[in-house]
């Protein structure tokens, strides 16, 4: 700052880096504080991961494809209308309901399809699409698959997906 004719106070590098990080985190720039994990570049990638998990009967893998509690509370919940003051809907209740319903739906889907080999033909979302400031929710997934006998089937194996920054993540297994 000498070129401007005044001496800037000296700030140790570590503190300066901390200040920059804190400022970036506070500004957010429309980014969530929690990066979504287990995301996919395409809806087909997400659908294939679900099909692979079902074929293997791998409940932990399938569960990891869904939003985690941290992702829900830090990324999704703050933008949902239900989170607004005056609604009196605690986040803990909203998460517990979503998780419980999704786990139940996953158990049903596993009971019906575990061990089945399906080849993905296409995936579409037949329900409403809702855009929020940092993500979009695509509802009512519908997969067209080819079963082991070569017959095409249309299956609803999860309910909705969240899209953030061109990355796809399973929102919930609840199919309604």
N, C-alpha and C. Protein backbone atom coordinates (compact mmCIF):
# COMPACT_ATOMS: atom_id res chain seq x y z
N UNK A 1 0.80 -1.19 0.00
CA UNK A 1 0.00 0.00 0.00
C UNK A 1 0.85 1.26 0.00
N UNK A 2 2.17 1.09 0.06
CA UNK A 2 3.07 2.25 0.01
C UNK A 2 2.86 3.04 -1.26
N UNK A 3 2.50 2.35 -2.35
CA UNK A 3 2.29 3.05 -3.61
C UNK A 3 1.14 4.03 -3.51
N UNK A 4 0.22 3.80 -2.58
CA UNK A 4 -0.92 4.71 -2.40
C UNK A 4 -0.60 5.81 -1.40
N UNK A 5 0.58 5.77 -0.82
CA UNK A 5 1.01 6.81 0.08
C UNK A 5 0.70 6.56 1.54
N UNK A 6 0.32 5.33 1.90
CA UNK A 6 0.10 5.04 3.31
C UNK A 6 0.54 3.62 3.61
N UNK A 7 0.85 3.40 4.85
CA UNK A 7 1.33 2.09 5.28
C UNK A 7 0.16 1.28 5.84
N UNK A 8 -0.08 0.12 5.24
CA UNK A 8 -1.12 -0.77 5.74
C UNK A 8 -0.58 -1.49 6.98
N UNK A 9 -1.45 -1.76 7.95
CA UNK A 9 -0.98 -2.51 9.12
C UNK A 9 -0.56 -3.91 8.70
N UNK A 10 0.45 -4.42 9.36
CA UNK A 10 0.93 -5.76 9.04
C UNK A 10 0.07 -6.78 9.77
N UNK A 11 -0.44 -7.72 9.00
CA UNK A 11 -1.26 -8.79 9.57
C UNK A 11 -0.54 -10.10 9.30
N UNK A 12 -0.31 -10.89 10.35
CA UNK A 12 0.36 -12.17 10.12
C UNK A 12 -0.40 -13.01 9.11
N UNK A 13 0.36 -13.76 8.29
CA UNK A 13 -0.24 -14.56 7.21
C UNK A 13 -1.34 -15.48 7.69
N UNK A 14 -1.14 -16.18 8.79
CA UNK A 14 -2.14 -17.13 9.31
C UNK A 14 -3.44 -16.44 9.64
N UNK A 15 -3.36 -15.28 10.25
CA UNK A 15 -4.57 -14.54 10.60
C UNK A 15 -5.24 -14.01 9.35
N UNK A 16 -4.44 -13.54 8.40
CA UNK A 16 -5.00 -13.05 7.14
C UNK A 16 -5.74 -14.17 6.41
N UNK A 17 -5.15 -15.36 6.35
CA UNK A 17 -5.81 -16.49 5.70
C UNK A 17 -7.11 -16.83 6.42
N UNK A 18 -7.10 -16.81 7.75
CA UNK A 18 -8.31 -17.08 8.52
C UNK A 18 -9.39 -16.05 8.24
N UNK A 19 -9.01 -14.78 8.16
CA UNK A 19 -9.97 -13.73 7.86
C UNK A 19 -10.57 -13.90 6.46
N UNK A 20 -9.75 -14.26 5.50
CA UNK A 20 -10.24 -14.47 4.14
C UNK A 20 -11.21 -15.64 4.11
N UNK A 21 -10.85 -16.74 4.78
CA UNK A 21 -11.74 -17.91 4.81
C UNK A 21 -13.06 -17.58 5.51
N UNK A 22 -12.99 -16.85 6.61
CA UNK A 22 -14.21 -16.50 7.34
C UNK A 22 -15.10 -15.60 6.49
N UNK A 23 -14.49 -14.67 5.77
CA UNK A 23 -15.27 -13.77 4.91
C UNK A 23 -15.92 -14.55 3.78
N UNK A 24 -15.18 -15.44 3.16
CA UNK A 24 -15.75 -16.25 2.07
C UNK A 24 -16.89 -17.13 2.59
N UNK A 25 -16.72 -17.71 3.76
CA UNK A 25 -17.77 -18.56 4.32
C UNK A 25 -19.00 -17.75 4.66
N UNK A 26 -18.81 -16.54 5.18
CA UNK A 26 -19.94 -15.69 5.54
C UNK A 26 -20.69 -15.22 4.30
N UNK A 27 -19.97 -14.89 3.26
CA UNK A 27 -20.62 -14.42 2.03
C UNK A 27 -21.32 -15.57 1.34
N UNK A 28 -20.71 -16.73 1.34
CA UNK A 28 -21.33 -17.91 0.79
C UNK A 28 -21.40 -17.95 -0.70
N UNK A 29 -21.64 -16.82 -1.34
CA UNK A 29 -21.71 -16.80 -2.79
C UNK A 29 -22.72 -17.78 -3.34
N UNK A 30 -23.81 -18.04 -2.53
CA UNK A 30 -24.83 -18.96 -3.01
C UNK A 30 -24.44 -20.42 -2.85
N UNK A 31 -23.30 -20.68 -2.26
CA UNK A 31 -22.85 -22.06 -2.06
C UNK A 31 -23.28 -22.52 -0.67
N UNK A 32 -23.54 -23.79 -0.53
CA UNK A 32 -23.89 -24.32 0.78
C UNK A 32 -22.62 -24.53 1.59
N UNK A 33 -22.80 -24.64 2.90
CA UNK A 33 -21.66 -24.86 3.77
C UNK A 33 -21.21 -26.31 3.75
N UNK A 34 -22.09 -27.22 3.37
CA UNK A 34 -21.76 -28.64 3.34
C UNK A 34 -21.80 -29.11 1.89
N UNK A 35 -20.70 -29.63 1.42
CA UNK A 35 -20.68 -30.18 0.06
C UNK A 35 -21.43 -31.49 0.07
N UNK A 36 -22.30 -31.67 -0.89
CA UNK A 36 -23.04 -32.92 -0.99
C UNK A 36 -22.07 -34.05 -1.38
N UNK A 37 -22.19 -35.19 -0.71
CA UNK A 37 -21.35 -36.34 -1.02
C UNK A 37 -22.13 -37.33 -1.87
N UNK A 38 -21.45 -38.29 -2.42
CA UNK A 38 -22.09 -39.32 -3.25
C UNK A 38 -22.98 -38.70 -4.32
N UNK A 39 -22.41 -37.75 -5.05
CA UNK A 39 -23.16 -37.11 -6.13
C UNK A 39 -22.72 -37.67 -7.47
N UNK A 40 -23.52 -37.40 -8.48
CA UNK A 40 -23.27 -37.94 -9.81
C UNK A 40 -23.41 -36.84 -10.85
N UNK A 41 -22.69 -36.96 -11.93
CA UNK A 41 -22.69 -35.94 -12.98
C UNK A 41 -23.99 -35.93 -13.77
N UNK A 42 -24.71 -37.04 -13.76
CA UNK A 42 -25.95 -37.14 -14.55
C UNK A 42 -27.01 -37.88 -13.74
N UNK A 43 -28.27 -37.71 -14.11
CA UNK A 43 -29.31 -38.50 -13.44
C UNK A 43 -29.15 -39.99 -13.76
N UNK A 44 -28.61 -40.30 -14.93
CA UNK A 44 -28.36 -41.70 -15.28
C UNK A 44 -27.32 -42.33 -14.35
N UNK A 45 -26.31 -41.56 -13.99
CA UNK A 45 -25.30 -42.05 -13.05
C UNK A 45 -25.91 -42.37 -11.70
N UNK A 46 -26.78 -41.48 -11.23
CA UNK A 46 -27.48 -41.72 -9.97
C UNK A 46 -28.36 -42.96 -10.07
N UNK A 47 -29.15 -43.05 -11.14
CA UNK A 47 -30.04 -44.20 -11.33
C UNK A 47 -29.24 -45.50 -11.38
N UNK A 48 -28.10 -45.50 -12.07
CA UNK A 48 -27.27 -46.71 -12.16
C UNK A 48 -26.73 -47.10 -10.80
N UNK A 49 -26.36 -46.13 -9.98
CA UNK A 49 -25.88 -46.43 -8.63
C UNK A 49 -26.98 -47.10 -7.80
N UNK A 50 -28.21 -46.63 -7.96
CA UNK A 50 -29.34 -47.26 -7.26
C UNK A 50 -29.51 -48.70 -7.76
N UNK A 51 -29.50 -48.89 -9.06
CA UNK A 51 -29.65 -50.23 -9.63
C UNK A 51 -28.54 -51.17 -9.17
N UNK A 52 -27.31 -50.67 -9.15
CA UNK A 52 -26.17 -51.48 -8.70
C UNK A 52 -26.34 -51.88 -7.23
N UNK A 53 -26.74 -50.91 -6.39
CA UNK A 53 -26.96 -51.21 -4.98
C UNK A 53 -28.06 -52.22 -4.76
N UNK A 54 -29.12 -52.12 -5.56
CA UNK A 54 -30.21 -53.09 -5.46
C UNK A 54 -29.76 -54.49 -5.88
N UNK A 55 -29.02 -54.56 -6.98
CA UNK A 55 -28.55 -55.87 -7.46
C UNK A 55 -27.70 -56.55 -6.39
N UNK A 56 -26.88 -55.76 -5.71
CA UNK A 56 -26.01 -56.31 -4.67
C UNK A 56 -26.73 -56.45 -3.33
N UNK A 57 -27.94 -55.90 -3.22
CA UNK A 57 -28.66 -55.92 -1.95
C UNK A 57 -27.92 -55.15 -0.87
N UNK A 58 -27.21 -54.10 -1.28
CA UNK A 58 -26.31 -53.36 -0.40
C UNK A 58 -27.03 -52.16 0.23
N UNK A 59 -27.72 -52.42 1.34
CA UNK A 59 -28.48 -51.36 2.01
C UNK A 59 -27.59 -50.19 2.45
N UNK A 60 -26.42 -50.43 3.06
CA UNK A 60 -25.58 -49.28 3.45
C UNK A 60 -25.19 -48.40 2.24
N UNK A 61 -24.87 -49.02 1.13
CA UNK A 61 -24.52 -48.25 -0.07
C UNK A 61 -25.72 -47.45 -0.55
N UNK A 62 -26.89 -48.08 -0.60
CA UNK A 62 -28.10 -47.38 -1.03
C UNK A 62 -28.43 -46.23 -0.07
N UNK A 63 -28.29 -46.46 1.22
CA UNK A 63 -28.57 -45.40 2.21
C UNK A 63 -27.60 -44.24 2.04
N UNK A 64 -26.36 -44.52 1.66
CA UNK A 64 -25.36 -43.44 1.50
C UNK A 64 -25.66 -42.55 0.29
N UNK A 65 -26.49 -43.03 -0.61
CA UNK A 65 -26.84 -42.21 -1.78
C UNK A 65 -27.81 -41.08 -1.42
N UNK A 66 -28.54 -41.24 -0.32
CA UNK A 66 -29.52 -40.25 0.12
C UNK A 66 -28.85 -39.13 0.91
N UNK A 67 -29.51 -38.00 0.97
CA UNK A 67 -29.03 -36.89 1.79
C UNK A 67 -28.70 -37.35 3.20
N UNK A 68 -27.62 -36.82 3.74
CA UNK A 68 -27.28 -37.08 5.14
C UNK A 68 -27.97 -36.00 5.99
N UNK A 69 -27.95 -36.20 7.28
CA UNK A 69 -28.55 -35.21 8.18
C UNK A 69 -27.85 -33.86 8.05
N UNK A 70 -26.52 -33.87 7.95
CA UNK A 70 -25.77 -32.61 7.81
C UNK A 70 -26.11 -31.93 6.49
N UNK A 71 -26.21 -32.68 5.41
CA UNK A 71 -26.56 -32.10 4.11
C UNK A 71 -27.96 -31.50 4.16
N UNK A 72 -28.88 -32.23 4.78
CA UNK A 72 -30.25 -31.73 4.89
C UNK A 72 -30.30 -30.45 5.71
N UNK A 73 -29.66 -30.46 6.89
CA UNK A 73 -29.77 -29.31 7.78
C UNK A 73 -28.99 -28.10 7.31
N UNK A 74 -27.85 -28.29 6.69
CA UNK A 74 -27.03 -27.15 6.29
C UNK A 74 -27.27 -26.67 4.86
N UNK A 75 -27.76 -27.55 3.99
CA UNK A 75 -27.90 -27.19 2.58
C UNK A 75 -29.36 -27.05 2.16
N UNK A 76 -30.17 -28.02 2.50
CA UNK A 76 -31.53 -28.09 2.01
C UNK A 76 -32.51 -27.30 2.88
N UNK A 77 -32.54 -27.60 4.16
CA UNK A 77 -33.51 -27.03 5.08
C UNK A 77 -33.58 -25.49 5.06
N UNK A 78 -32.46 -24.78 5.09
CA UNK A 78 -32.56 -23.32 5.15
C UNK A 78 -33.34 -22.69 3.98
N UNK A 79 -33.46 -23.39 2.85
CA UNK A 79 -34.15 -22.82 1.70
C UNK A 79 -35.60 -23.30 1.56
N UNK A 80 -35.99 -24.30 2.34
CA UNK A 80 -37.34 -24.82 2.23
C UNK A 80 -38.34 -23.89 2.90
N UNK A 81 -39.53 -23.75 2.33
CA UNK A 81 -40.55 -22.89 2.94
C UNK A 81 -40.88 -23.30 4.38
N UNK A 82 -40.82 -24.59 4.69
CA UNK A 82 -41.13 -25.07 6.04
C UNK A 82 -40.16 -24.56 7.09
N UNK A 83 -38.99 -24.09 6.67
CA UNK A 83 -37.98 -23.62 7.63
C UNK A 83 -38.20 -22.18 8.07
N UNK A 84 -39.09 -21.47 7.41
CA UNK A 84 -39.29 -20.05 7.72
C UNK A 84 -39.87 -19.87 9.11
N UNK A 85 -39.48 -18.76 9.73
CA UNK A 85 -40.00 -18.48 11.07
C UNK A 85 -41.51 -18.33 10.99
N UNK A 86 -42.15 -18.69 12.06
CA UNK A 86 -43.60 -18.66 12.09
C UNK A 86 -44.23 -19.98 11.72
N UNK A 87 -43.47 -20.87 11.11
CA UNK A 87 -44.00 -22.19 10.73
C UNK A 87 -43.96 -23.15 11.92
N UNK A 88 -43.07 -22.86 12.87
CA UNK A 88 -42.93 -23.69 14.08
C UNK A 88 -42.71 -25.16 13.78
N UNK A 89 -41.95 -25.43 12.74
CA UNK A 89 -41.60 -26.80 12.40
C UNK A 89 -40.12 -27.00 12.70
N UNK A 90 -39.79 -27.70 13.78
CA UNK A 90 -38.38 -27.88 14.12
C UNK A 90 -37.66 -28.73 13.08
N UNK A 91 -36.44 -28.36 12.79
CA UNK A 91 -35.65 -29.10 11.81
C UNK A 91 -35.47 -30.55 12.23
N UNK A 92 -35.34 -30.79 13.53
CA UNK A 92 -35.15 -32.16 14.01
C UNK A 92 -36.35 -33.03 13.64
N UNK A 93 -37.54 -32.47 13.76
CA UNK A 93 -38.75 -33.20 13.42
C UNK A 93 -38.80 -33.45 11.91
N UNK A 94 -38.52 -32.41 11.12
CA UNK A 94 -38.55 -32.54 9.66
C UNK A 94 -37.56 -33.60 9.19
N UNK A 95 -36.35 -33.58 9.75
CA UNK A 95 -35.34 -34.57 9.35
C UNK A 95 -35.77 -35.98 9.77
N UNK A 96 -36.23 -36.12 11.01
CA UNK A 96 -36.64 -37.43 11.51
C UNK A 96 -37.75 -38.03 10.64
N UNK A 97 -38.72 -37.20 10.25
CA UNK A 97 -39.82 -37.67 9.40
C UNK A 97 -39.30 -38.11 8.03
N UNK A 98 -38.46 -37.27 7.42
CA UNK A 98 -37.90 -37.61 6.11
C UNK A 98 -37.09 -38.89 6.18
N UNK A 99 -36.22 -38.98 7.15
CA UNK A 99 -35.33 -40.15 7.29
C UNK A 99 -36.14 -41.42 7.56
N UNK A 100 -37.11 -41.33 8.46
CA UNK A 100 -37.91 -42.50 8.80
C UNK A 100 -38.72 -42.98 7.59
N UNK A 101 -39.34 -42.07 6.88
CA UNK A 101 -40.13 -42.45 5.71
C UNK A 101 -39.23 -43.01 4.60
N UNK A 102 -38.08 -42.38 4.41
CA UNK A 102 -37.16 -42.83 3.37
C UNK A 102 -36.59 -44.21 3.70
N UNK A 103 -36.22 -44.43 4.96
CA UNK A 103 -35.71 -45.74 5.37
C UNK A 103 -36.77 -46.82 5.18
N UNK A 104 -38.02 -46.51 5.50
CA UNK A 104 -39.11 -47.46 5.30
C UNK A 104 -39.31 -47.79 3.83
N UNK A 105 -39.27 -46.74 2.99
CA UNK A 105 -39.42 -46.96 1.55
C UNK A 105 -38.26 -47.78 1.01
N UNK A 106 -37.05 -47.51 1.48
CA UNK A 106 -35.89 -48.28 1.03
C UNK A 106 -36.03 -49.75 1.42
N UNK A 107 -36.53 -50.03 2.61
CA UNK A 107 -36.73 -51.42 3.04
C UNK A 107 -37.70 -52.13 2.09
N UNK A 108 -38.77 -51.44 1.72
CA UNK A 108 -39.76 -52.02 0.80
C UNK A 108 -39.15 -52.26 -0.58
N UNK A 109 -38.41 -51.28 -1.07
CA UNK A 109 -37.77 -51.41 -2.39
C UNK A 109 -36.76 -52.56 -2.39
N UNK A 110 -35.99 -52.68 -1.32
CA UNK A 110 -35.04 -53.79 -1.22
C UNK A 110 -35.77 -55.13 -1.16
N UNK A 111 -36.85 -55.20 -0.42
CA UNK A 111 -37.60 -56.46 -0.32
C UNK A 111 -38.13 -56.89 -1.69
N UNK A 112 -38.48 -55.93 -2.52
CA UNK A 112 -39.06 -56.24 -3.83
C UNK A 112 -38.02 -56.45 -4.93
N UNK A 113 -36.84 -55.79 -4.80
CA UNK A 113 -35.92 -55.76 -5.94
C UNK A 113 -34.49 -56.21 -5.64
N UNK A 114 -34.16 -56.51 -4.38
CA UNK A 114 -32.78 -56.91 -4.07
C UNK A 114 -32.41 -58.15 -4.87
N UNK A 115 -31.21 -58.13 -5.42
CA UNK A 115 -30.70 -59.26 -6.19
C UNK A 115 -31.09 -59.24 -7.66
N UNK A 116 -31.99 -58.36 -8.03
CA UNK A 116 -32.42 -58.27 -9.43
C UNK A 116 -31.39 -57.52 -10.25
N UNK A 117 -31.16 -57.99 -11.47
CA UNK A 117 -30.26 -57.28 -12.38
C UNK A 117 -31.12 -56.54 -13.39
N UNK A 118 -31.01 -55.22 -13.32
CA UNK A 118 -31.73 -54.36 -14.25
C UNK A 118 -30.73 -53.54 -15.06
N UNK A 119 -31.01 -53.42 -16.34
CA UNK A 119 -30.20 -52.56 -17.21
C UNK A 119 -30.99 -51.26 -17.42
N UNK A 120 -30.36 -50.15 -17.12
CA UNK A 120 -31.04 -48.87 -17.26
C UNK A 120 -31.23 -48.52 -18.73
N UNK A 121 -32.45 -48.23 -19.11
CA UNK A 121 -32.76 -47.75 -20.45
C UNK A 121 -32.82 -46.23 -20.42
N UNK A 122 -33.58 -45.69 -19.44
CA UNK A 122 -33.63 -44.24 -19.27
C UNK A 122 -34.24 -43.91 -17.90
N UNK A 123 -34.03 -42.68 -17.49
CA UNK A 123 -34.67 -42.16 -16.28
C UNK A 123 -35.33 -40.84 -16.64
N UNK A 124 -36.48 -40.64 -16.07
CA UNK A 124 -37.18 -39.35 -16.24
C UNK A 124 -37.79 -38.97 -14.90
N UNK A 125 -38.14 -37.71 -14.80
CA UNK A 125 -38.79 -37.21 -13.60
C UNK A 125 -40.13 -36.66 -14.03
N UNK A 126 -41.19 -37.31 -13.56
CA UNK A 126 -42.53 -37.00 -14.05
C UNK A 126 -43.27 -35.99 -13.17
N UNK A 127 -42.68 -35.64 -12.04
CA UNK A 127 -43.33 -34.71 -11.12
C UNK A 127 -42.83 -33.30 -11.25
N UNK A 128 -43.21 -32.51 -10.29
CA UNK A 128 -42.86 -31.09 -10.24
C UNK A 128 -41.36 -30.90 -10.05
N UNK A 129 -40.85 -29.85 -10.66
CA UNK A 129 -39.47 -29.42 -10.45
C UNK A 129 -39.53 -28.11 -9.69
N UNK A 130 -38.80 -28.02 -8.58
CA UNK A 130 -38.79 -26.80 -7.78
C UNK A 130 -37.36 -26.30 -7.69
N UNK A 131 -37.16 -25.05 -8.09
CA UNK A 131 -35.83 -24.43 -8.02
C UNK A 131 -35.74 -23.54 -6.79
N UNK A 132 -34.66 -23.71 -6.06
CA UNK A 132 -34.34 -22.87 -4.92
C UNK A 132 -33.07 -22.10 -5.29
N UNK A 133 -32.56 -21.28 -4.40
CA UNK A 133 -31.42 -20.47 -4.82
C UNK A 133 -30.14 -21.26 -5.05
N UNK A 134 -29.91 -22.36 -4.31
CA UNK A 134 -28.67 -23.11 -4.51
C UNK A 134 -28.87 -24.55 -4.97
N UNK A 135 -30.12 -24.96 -5.18
CA UNK A 135 -30.37 -26.32 -5.65
C UNK A 135 -31.75 -26.40 -6.28
N UNK A 136 -31.99 -27.51 -6.97
CA UNK A 136 -33.28 -27.81 -7.60
C UNK A 136 -33.70 -29.20 -7.16
N UNK A 137 -34.99 -29.38 -6.91
CA UNK A 137 -35.52 -30.69 -6.57
C UNK A 137 -36.32 -31.20 -7.75
N UNK A 138 -35.98 -32.39 -8.21
CA UNK A 138 -36.70 -33.09 -9.29
C UNK A 138 -37.46 -34.24 -8.65
N UNK A 139 -38.77 -34.28 -8.87
CA UNK A 139 -39.63 -35.25 -8.18
C UNK A 139 -40.11 -36.37 -9.10
N UNK A 140 -40.52 -37.45 -8.45
CA UNK A 140 -41.16 -38.60 -9.09
C UNK A 140 -40.29 -39.23 -10.17
N UNK A 141 -39.20 -39.81 -9.73
CA UNK A 141 -38.32 -40.50 -10.68
C UNK A 141 -39.03 -41.72 -11.24
N UNK A 142 -38.80 -41.96 -12.50
CA UNK A 142 -39.37 -43.13 -13.17
C UNK A 142 -38.28 -43.71 -14.06
N UNK A 143 -37.85 -44.93 -13.72
CA UNK A 143 -36.81 -45.59 -14.50
C UNK A 143 -37.43 -46.59 -15.46
N UNK A 144 -36.97 -46.57 -16.67
CA UNK A 144 -37.28 -47.63 -17.61
C UNK A 144 -36.05 -48.53 -17.61
N UNK A 145 -36.27 -49.81 -17.30
CA UNK A 145 -35.17 -50.76 -17.19
C UNK A 145 -35.49 -51.99 -18.03
N UNK A 146 -34.44 -52.74 -18.30
CA UNK A 146 -34.60 -54.04 -18.96
C UNK A 146 -34.22 -55.09 -17.92
N UNK A 147 -35.12 -56.02 -17.67
CA UNK A 147 -34.83 -57.05 -16.67
C UNK A 147 -33.99 -58.17 -17.27
N UNK A 148 -33.69 -59.18 -16.46
CA UNK A 148 -32.81 -60.28 -16.88
C UNK A 148 -33.37 -61.05 -18.07
N UNK A 149 -34.68 -60.99 -18.28
CA UNK A 149 -35.31 -61.68 -19.42
C UNK A 149 -35.39 -60.80 -20.66
N UNK A 150 -34.90 -59.57 -20.56
CA UNK A 150 -34.93 -58.65 -21.69
C UNK A 150 -36.20 -57.83 -21.80
N UNK A 151 -37.12 -58.01 -20.87
CA UNK A 151 -38.38 -57.26 -20.90
C UNK A 151 -38.18 -55.87 -20.29
N UNK A 152 -38.78 -54.88 -20.91
CA UNK A 152 -38.71 -53.52 -20.36
C UNK A 152 -39.76 -53.36 -19.27
N UNK A 153 -39.33 -52.71 -18.20
CA UNK A 153 -40.21 -52.41 -17.07
C UNK A 153 -40.02 -50.96 -16.68
N UNK A 154 -41.07 -50.38 -16.15
CA UNK A 154 -40.99 -49.01 -15.62
C UNK A 154 -41.11 -49.10 -14.11
N UNK A 155 -40.08 -48.61 -13.41
CA UNK A 155 -40.00 -48.75 -11.96
C UNK A 155 -39.79 -47.41 -11.28
N UNK A 156 -40.42 -47.25 -10.14
CA UNK A 156 -40.17 -46.10 -9.27
C UNK A 156 -39.37 -46.62 -8.08
N UNK A 157 -38.06 -46.42 -8.15
CA UNK A 157 -37.16 -46.97 -7.14
C UNK A 157 -36.66 -45.92 -6.15
N UNK A 158 -36.91 -44.67 -6.42
CA UNK A 158 -36.68 -43.60 -5.45
C UNK A 158 -37.59 -42.46 -5.84
N UNK A 159 -37.82 -41.56 -4.89
CA UNK A 159 -38.78 -40.50 -5.13
C UNK A 159 -38.23 -39.29 -5.84
N UNK A 160 -37.26 -38.65 -5.23
CA UNK A 160 -36.79 -37.39 -5.78
C UNK A 160 -35.27 -37.28 -5.71
N UNK A 161 -34.78 -36.32 -6.48
CA UNK A 161 -33.34 -36.06 -6.52
C UNK A 161 -33.13 -34.57 -6.34
N UNK A 162 -31.99 -34.22 -5.81
CA UNK A 162 -31.59 -32.82 -5.69
C UNK A 162 -30.43 -32.59 -6.65
N UNK A 163 -30.46 -31.46 -7.33
CA UNK A 163 -29.41 -31.10 -8.28
C UNK A 163 -28.77 -29.83 -7.76
N UNK A 164 -27.47 -29.88 -7.56
CA UNK A 164 -26.75 -28.70 -7.09
C UNK A 164 -25.44 -28.60 -7.85
N UNK A 165 -25.25 -27.47 -8.52
CA UNK A 165 -24.01 -27.27 -9.26
C UNK A 165 -23.77 -28.36 -10.29
N UNK A 166 -24.79 -28.75 -11.00
CA UNK A 166 -24.70 -29.78 -12.06
C UNK A 166 -24.43 -31.18 -11.51
N UNK A 167 -24.57 -31.37 -10.20
CA UNK A 167 -24.36 -32.68 -9.59
C UNK A 167 -25.68 -33.18 -9.03
N UNK A 168 -25.92 -34.47 -9.18
CA UNK A 168 -27.17 -35.11 -8.79
C UNK A 168 -26.98 -35.95 -7.53
N UNK A 169 -27.96 -35.87 -6.64
CA UNK A 169 -27.94 -36.64 -5.38
C UNK A 169 -29.36 -37.10 -5.09
N UNK A 170 -29.48 -38.28 -4.52
CA UNK A 170 -30.78 -38.81 -4.15
C UNK A 170 -31.31 -38.03 -2.95
N UNK A 171 -32.49 -37.46 -3.07
CA UNK A 171 -33.12 -36.71 -1.98
C UNK A 171 -33.78 -37.67 -1.01
N UNK A 172 -34.59 -38.59 -1.53
CA UNK A 172 -35.37 -39.49 -0.70
C UNK A 172 -35.82 -40.71 -1.49
N UNK A 173 -35.99 -41.82 -0.79
CA UNK A 173 -36.53 -43.02 -1.42
C UNK A 173 -38.06 -43.03 -1.41
N UNK A 174 -38.66 -42.06 -0.75
CA UNK A 174 -40.12 -42.02 -0.63
C UNK A 174 -40.74 -41.84 -2.01
N UNK A 175 -41.56 -42.81 -2.40
CA UNK A 175 -42.26 -42.78 -3.68
C UNK A 175 -43.74 -42.58 -3.37
N UNK A 176 -44.27 -41.48 -3.85
CA UNK A 176 -45.70 -41.21 -3.56
C UNK A 176 -46.46 -41.03 -4.84
